[in-house]
Amino acid sequence: MKNMDLNRLSDDDVLLELTQRIKKRRLNLNITQEELSKNAGVHVQTIKNFESGKATTLLTFIQILRAFGELDALSLFLPDPGISPVELLKLKGKERERASGSSKGKSNKSPW
């Protein structure tokens, strides 16, 4: 499969590329849309809409990956970043739950 610079594509084009890759995977596995819909637990029209590039839910994508037995692919796509030892020391053993945002261009004066 050719490498593609997805950063150069629009969001709609990235969605279309993703759905076409899922369709190619289904065809390579010789699975019909009906079989995939049954295995994924979704309506066949959901699969048809997905493969045609129509906006879909993340849940549908997860259900399709699970039906392919390839849910672990998400770990390659978004590996767990963990927490750095330095950050852990700063937090005194507690995991961070909020972002403070960028301090660039912010004034310390509150309008309140």
N, C-alpha and C. Protein backbone atom coordinates (compact mmCIF):
# COMPACT_ATOMS: atom_id res chain seq x y z
N MET A 1 0.85 -1.18 0.00
CA MET A 1 0.00 0.00 0.00
C MET A 1 0.89 1.24 0.00
N LYS A 2 0.53 2.22 -0.80
CA LYS A 2 1.33 3.43 -0.89
C LYS A 2 1.17 4.28 0.36
N ASN A 3 2.26 5.00 0.69
CA ASN A 3 2.21 5.94 1.79
C ASN A 3 1.58 7.23 1.30
N MET A 4 0.75 7.82 2.12
CA MET A 4 0.04 9.02 1.73
C MET A 4 0.22 10.06 2.82
N ASP A 5 0.46 11.30 2.42
CA ASP A 5 0.57 12.39 3.39
C ASP A 5 -0.84 12.88 3.72
N LEU A 6 -1.41 12.31 4.76
CA LEU A 6 -2.78 12.65 5.13
C LEU A 6 -2.91 14.08 5.61
N ASN A 7 -1.80 14.69 6.06
CA ASN A 7 -1.86 16.08 6.51
C ASN A 7 -2.20 17.05 5.39
N ARG A 8 -1.99 16.64 4.16
CA ARG A 8 -2.29 17.51 3.02
C ARG A 8 -3.75 17.41 2.59
N LEU A 9 -4.48 16.46 3.15
CA LEU A 9 -5.88 16.25 2.76
C LEU A 9 -6.82 17.04 3.65
N SER A 10 -7.98 17.35 3.11
CA SER A 10 -9.03 17.98 3.93
C SER A 10 -9.59 16.92 4.88
N ASP A 11 -10.33 17.36 5.88
CA ASP A 11 -10.95 16.42 6.82
C ASP A 11 -11.87 15.45 6.09
N ASP A 12 -12.63 15.95 5.13
CA ASP A 12 -13.54 15.09 4.37
C ASP A 12 -12.76 14.05 3.57
N ASP A 13 -11.61 14.46 3.01
CA ASP A 13 -10.79 13.52 2.24
C ASP A 13 -10.15 12.46 3.15
N VAL A 14 -9.77 12.85 4.36
CA VAL A 14 -9.23 11.88 5.32
C VAL A 14 -10.31 10.87 5.68
N LEU A 15 -11.52 11.36 5.92
CA LEU A 15 -12.64 10.47 6.22
C LEU A 15 -12.88 9.49 5.08
N LEU A 16 -12.86 10.00 3.85
CA LEU A 16 -13.07 9.15 2.69
C LEU A 16 -11.94 8.11 2.56
N GLU A 17 -10.71 8.52 2.81
CA GLU A 17 -9.58 7.60 2.75
C GLU A 17 -9.73 6.49 3.79
N LEU A 18 -10.11 6.87 4.99
CA LEU A 18 -10.31 5.89 6.07
C LEU A 18 -11.41 4.90 5.72
N THR A 19 -12.53 5.40 5.24
CA THR A 19 -13.64 4.50 4.92
C THR A 19 -13.31 3.60 3.73
N GLN A 20 -12.54 4.11 2.78
CA GLN A 20 -12.14 3.28 1.64
C GLN A 20 -11.15 2.19 2.07
N ARG A 21 -10.31 2.50 3.03
CA ARG A 21 -9.39 1.47 3.56
C ARG A 21 -10.17 0.37 4.27
N ILE A 22 -11.21 0.75 4.99
CA ILE A 22 -12.06 -0.25 5.66
C ILE A 22 -12.75 -1.10 4.60
N LYS A 23 -13.25 -0.48 3.56
CA LYS A 23 -13.92 -1.22 2.48
C LYS A 23 -12.95 -2.20 1.82
N LYS A 24 -11.73 -1.73 1.51
CA LYS A 24 -10.72 -2.62 0.92
C LYS A 24 -10.39 -3.78 1.84
N ARG A 25 -10.32 -3.50 3.13
CA ARG A 25 -10.02 -4.56 4.11
C ARG A 25 -11.14 -5.59 4.09
N ARG A 26 -12.39 -5.11 4.06
CA ARG A 26 -13.54 -6.03 4.03
C ARG A 26 -13.48 -6.90 2.79
N LEU A 27 -13.20 -6.29 1.65
CA LEU A 27 -13.14 -7.04 0.40
C LEU A 27 -11.98 -8.03 0.39
N ASN A 28 -10.83 -7.62 0.93
CA ASN A 28 -9.68 -8.53 1.02
C ASN A 28 -9.97 -9.73 1.92
N LEU A 29 -10.83 -9.52 2.92
CA LEU A 29 -11.23 -10.62 3.80
C LEU A 29 -12.40 -11.41 3.22
N ASN A 30 -12.90 -10.98 2.04
CA ASN A 30 -14.00 -11.63 1.35
C ASN A 30 -15.26 -11.70 2.23
N ILE A 31 -15.57 -10.56 2.85
CA ILE A 31 -16.74 -10.45 3.72
C ILE A 31 -17.74 -9.52 3.03
N THR A 32 -18.99 -9.91 2.98
CA THR A 32 -20.02 -9.05 2.40
C THR A 32 -20.38 -7.95 3.40
N GLN A 33 -21.04 -6.92 2.89
CA GLN A 33 -21.51 -5.86 3.78
C GLN A 33 -22.50 -6.42 4.80
N GLU A 34 -23.32 -7.35 4.35
CA GLU A 34 -24.30 -7.96 5.25
C GLU A 34 -23.62 -8.74 6.38
N GLU A 35 -22.57 -9.50 6.02
CA GLU A 35 -21.83 -10.26 7.04
C GLU A 35 -21.14 -9.32 8.03
N LEU A 36 -20.54 -8.26 7.50
CA LEU A 36 -19.87 -7.30 8.38
C LEU A 36 -20.86 -6.62 9.30
N SER A 37 -22.03 -6.26 8.76
CA SER A 37 -23.03 -5.60 9.61
C SER A 37 -23.48 -6.52 10.74
N LYS A 38 -23.66 -7.80 10.42
CA LYS A 38 -24.07 -8.76 11.45
C LYS A 38 -22.98 -8.93 12.50
N ASN A 39 -21.72 -9.08 12.05
CA ASN A 39 -20.60 -9.26 12.98
C ASN A 39 -20.33 -8.02 13.82
N ALA A 40 -20.59 -6.85 13.24
CA ALA A 40 -20.35 -5.59 13.95
C ALA A 40 -21.54 -5.18 14.82
N GLY A 41 -22.69 -5.81 14.58
CA GLY A 41 -23.88 -5.47 15.36
C GLY A 41 -24.51 -4.15 14.94
N VAL A 42 -24.37 -3.82 13.65
CA VAL A 42 -24.97 -2.59 13.13
C VAL A 42 -25.83 -2.94 11.91
N HIS A 43 -26.67 -2.03 11.52
CA HIS A 43 -27.53 -2.24 10.35
C HIS A 43 -26.68 -2.21 9.09
N VAL A 44 -27.05 -2.96 8.08
CA VAL A 44 -26.30 -3.01 6.83
C VAL A 44 -26.22 -1.63 6.18
N GLN A 45 -27.24 -0.80 6.35
CA GLN A 45 -27.20 0.56 5.80
C GLN A 45 -26.10 1.38 6.46
N THR A 46 -25.81 1.09 7.73
CA THR A 46 -24.72 1.78 8.43
C THR A 46 -23.39 1.47 7.75
N ILE A 47 -23.20 0.22 7.36
CA ILE A 47 -21.96 -0.18 6.66
C ILE A 47 -21.91 0.50 5.30
N LYS A 48 -23.02 0.51 4.60
CA LYS A 48 -23.07 1.15 3.28
C LYS A 48 -22.76 2.64 3.39
N ASN A 49 -23.35 3.30 4.37
CA ASN A 49 -23.08 4.72 4.58
C ASN A 49 -21.62 4.95 4.93
N PHE A 50 -21.09 4.11 5.80
CA PHE A 50 -19.68 4.22 6.22
C PHE A 50 -18.76 4.10 5.02
N GLU A 51 -18.98 3.08 4.23
CA GLU A 51 -18.10 2.82 3.08
C GLU A 51 -18.24 3.86 1.97
N SER A 52 -19.33 4.58 1.96
CA SER A 52 -19.50 5.61 0.95
C SER A 52 -18.92 6.95 1.42
N GLY A 53 -18.37 6.96 2.63
CA GLY A 53 -17.71 8.16 3.13
C GLY A 53 -18.63 9.12 3.84
N LYS A 54 -19.85 8.71 4.11
CA LYS A 54 -20.76 9.59 4.84
C LYS A 54 -20.29 9.67 6.30
N ALA A 55 -20.54 10.81 6.90
CA ALA A 55 -20.14 11.00 8.29
C ALA A 55 -20.72 9.88 9.15
N THR A 56 -19.94 9.41 10.07
CA THR A 56 -20.33 8.28 10.90
C THR A 56 -19.87 8.53 12.32
N THR A 57 -20.15 7.60 13.19
CA THR A 57 -19.72 7.76 14.57
C THR A 57 -18.44 6.98 14.81
N LEU A 58 -17.73 7.40 15.82
CA LEU A 58 -16.53 6.69 16.24
C LEU A 58 -16.91 5.29 16.71
N LEU A 59 -18.08 5.16 17.32
CA LEU A 59 -18.55 3.86 17.78
C LEU A 59 -18.67 2.87 16.62
N THR A 60 -19.20 3.32 15.48
CA THR A 60 -19.31 2.44 14.31
C THR A 60 -17.93 1.98 13.86
N PHE A 61 -16.98 2.89 13.84
CA PHE A 61 -15.61 2.55 13.46
C PHE A 61 -15.04 1.48 14.41
N ILE A 62 -15.27 1.64 15.69
CA ILE A 62 -14.80 0.67 16.69
C ILE A 62 -15.48 -0.68 16.48
N GLN A 63 -16.78 -0.67 16.22
CA GLN A 63 -17.52 -1.91 16.01
C GLN A 63 -17.00 -2.65 14.77
N ILE A 64 -16.66 -1.90 13.73
CA ILE A 64 -16.14 -2.53 12.52
C ILE A 64 -14.75 -3.12 12.78
N LEU A 65 -13.89 -2.36 13.45
CA LEU A 65 -12.56 -2.90 13.79
C LEU A 65 -12.68 -4.16 14.64
N ARG A 66 -13.61 -4.15 15.59
CA ARG A 66 -13.81 -5.33 16.45
C ARG A 66 -14.29 -6.52 15.61
N ALA A 67 -15.18 -6.27 14.66
CA ALA A 67 -15.68 -7.35 13.80
C ALA A 67 -14.55 -7.93 12.95
N PHE A 68 -13.59 -7.10 12.55
CA PHE A 68 -12.42 -7.57 11.81
C PHE A 68 -11.42 -8.28 12.72
N GLY A 69 -11.60 -8.14 14.04
CA GLY A 69 -10.63 -8.69 14.98
C GLY A 69 -9.37 -7.85 15.02
N GLU A 70 -9.51 -6.55 14.72
CA GLU A 70 -8.35 -5.67 14.61
C GLU A 70 -8.47 -4.42 15.49
N LEU A 71 -9.14 -4.56 16.61
CA LEU A 71 -9.28 -3.43 17.51
C LEU A 71 -7.93 -2.98 18.06
N ASP A 72 -6.98 -3.91 18.14
CA ASP A 72 -5.64 -3.55 18.62
C ASP A 72 -4.93 -2.57 17.70
N ALA A 73 -5.43 -2.39 16.49
CA ALA A 73 -4.83 -1.43 15.56
C ALA A 73 -4.88 -0.02 16.14
N LEU A 74 -5.83 0.23 17.02
CA LEU A 74 -5.93 1.55 17.64
C LEU A 74 -4.73 1.85 18.53
N SER A 75 -4.11 0.80 19.09
CA SER A 75 -2.92 1.00 19.91
C SER A 75 -1.74 1.49 19.07
N LEU A 76 -1.69 1.07 17.82
CA LEU A 76 -0.64 1.56 16.92
C LEU A 76 -0.92 3.00 16.51
N PHE A 77 -2.18 3.27 16.32
CA PHE A 77 -2.63 4.58 15.87
C PHE A 77 -2.48 5.63 16.98
N LEU A 78 -2.88 5.28 18.19
CA LEU A 78 -2.80 6.19 19.33
C LEU A 78 -2.24 5.45 20.54
N PRO A 79 -0.92 5.28 20.60
CA PRO A 79 -0.35 4.56 21.74
C PRO A 79 -0.55 5.35 23.04
N ASP A 80 -0.63 4.63 24.13
CA ASP A 80 -0.78 5.25 25.44
C ASP A 80 0.49 6.05 25.74
N PRO A 81 0.38 7.38 25.90
CA PRO A 81 1.57 8.19 26.11
C PRO A 81 2.16 8.04 27.50
N GLY A 82 1.38 7.51 28.44
CA GLY A 82 1.89 7.37 29.79
C GLY A 82 2.16 8.74 30.40
N ILE A 83 2.95 8.76 31.43
CA ILE A 83 3.28 10.00 32.11
C ILE A 83 4.78 9.99 32.38
N SER A 84 5.44 11.10 32.14
CA SER A 84 6.88 11.14 32.33
C SER A 84 7.22 11.14 33.82
N PRO A 85 8.36 10.57 34.19
CA PRO A 85 8.76 10.56 35.61
C PRO A 85 8.86 11.96 36.20
N VAL A 86 9.32 12.93 35.43
CA VAL A 86 9.44 14.31 35.91
C VAL A 86 8.05 14.88 36.21
N GLU A 87 7.11 14.66 35.28
CA GLU A 87 5.74 15.14 35.49
C GLU A 87 5.11 14.46 36.69
N LEU A 88 5.39 13.18 36.86
CA LEU A 88 4.86 12.43 38.00
C LEU A 88 5.36 13.03 39.31
N LEU A 89 6.63 13.42 39.38
CA LEU A 89 7.16 14.06 40.57
C LEU A 89 6.47 15.39 40.84
N LYS A 90 6.25 16.17 39.79
CA LYS A 90 5.58 17.45 39.94
C LYS A 90 4.17 17.28 40.49
N LEU A 91 3.52 16.21 40.06
CA LEU A 91 2.13 15.96 40.47
C LEU A 91 2.04 15.19 41.77
N LYS A 92 3.20 14.86 42.33
CA LYS A 92 3.27 14.12 43.60
C LYS A 92 2.49 12.82 43.54
N GLY A 93 2.68 12.07 42.43
CA GLY A 93 2.08 10.75 42.30
C GLY A 93 0.68 10.72 41.74
N LYS A 94 0.05 11.89 41.59
CA LYS A 94 -1.31 11.94 41.05
C LYS A 94 -1.26 12.19 39.55
N GLU A 95 -2.10 11.51 38.79
CA GLU A 95 -2.15 11.74 37.36
C GLU A 95 -2.87 13.03 37.06
N ARG A 96 -2.41 13.71 36.05
CA ARG A 96 -3.00 14.97 35.64
C ARG A 96 -4.38 14.72 35.03
N GLU A 97 -5.34 15.56 35.40
CA GLU A 97 -6.69 15.41 34.89
C GLU A 97 -7.15 16.61 34.07
N ARG A 98 -6.41 17.73 34.15
CA ARG A 98 -6.78 18.93 33.43
C ARG A 98 -5.55 19.55 32.78
N ALA A 99 -5.79 20.24 31.69
CA ALA A 99 -4.73 21.00 31.03
C ALA A 99 -4.83 22.44 31.48
N SER A 100 -3.68 23.07 31.68
CA SER A 100 -3.69 24.47 32.12
C SER A 100 -3.73 25.42 30.94
N GLY A 101 -3.49 24.91 29.74
CA GLY A 101 -3.47 25.75 28.56
C GLY A 101 -2.14 26.43 28.40
N SER A 102 -1.97 27.08 27.28
CA SER A 102 -0.72 27.76 26.98
C SER A 102 -0.65 29.06 27.75
N SER A 103 0.51 29.38 28.28
CA SER A 103 0.67 30.64 29.02
C SER A 103 1.15 31.75 28.11
N LYS A 104 1.40 31.46 26.83
CA LYS A 104 1.86 32.48 25.88
C LYS A 104 0.76 33.50 25.64
N GLY A 105 1.11 34.74 25.78
CA GLY A 105 0.18 35.82 25.46
C GLY A 105 -0.90 36.03 26.50
N LYS A 106 -0.85 35.31 27.61
CA LYS A 106 -1.85 35.48 28.65
C LYS A 106 -1.35 36.49 29.68
N SER A 107 -2.22 37.29 30.14
CA SER A 107 -1.89 38.25 31.18
C SER A 107 -2.22 37.64 32.54
N ASN A 108 -1.44 37.96 33.53
CA ASN A 108 -1.72 37.44 34.88
C ASN A 108 -2.85 38.19 35.53
N LYS A 109 -3.23 39.34 34.96
CA LYS A 109 -4.34 40.12 35.53
C LYS A 109 -5.66 39.48 35.14
N SER A 110 -6.52 39.33 36.10
CA SER A 110 -7.85 38.79 35.85
C SER A 110 -8.82 39.93 35.59
N PRO A 111 -9.71 39.79 34.62
CA PRO A 111 -10.68 40.86 34.38
C PRO A 111 -11.73 40.92 35.47
N TRP A 112 -11.72 40.02 36.39
CA TRP A 112 -12.72 39.97 37.45
C TRP A 112 -12.22 40.73 38.62
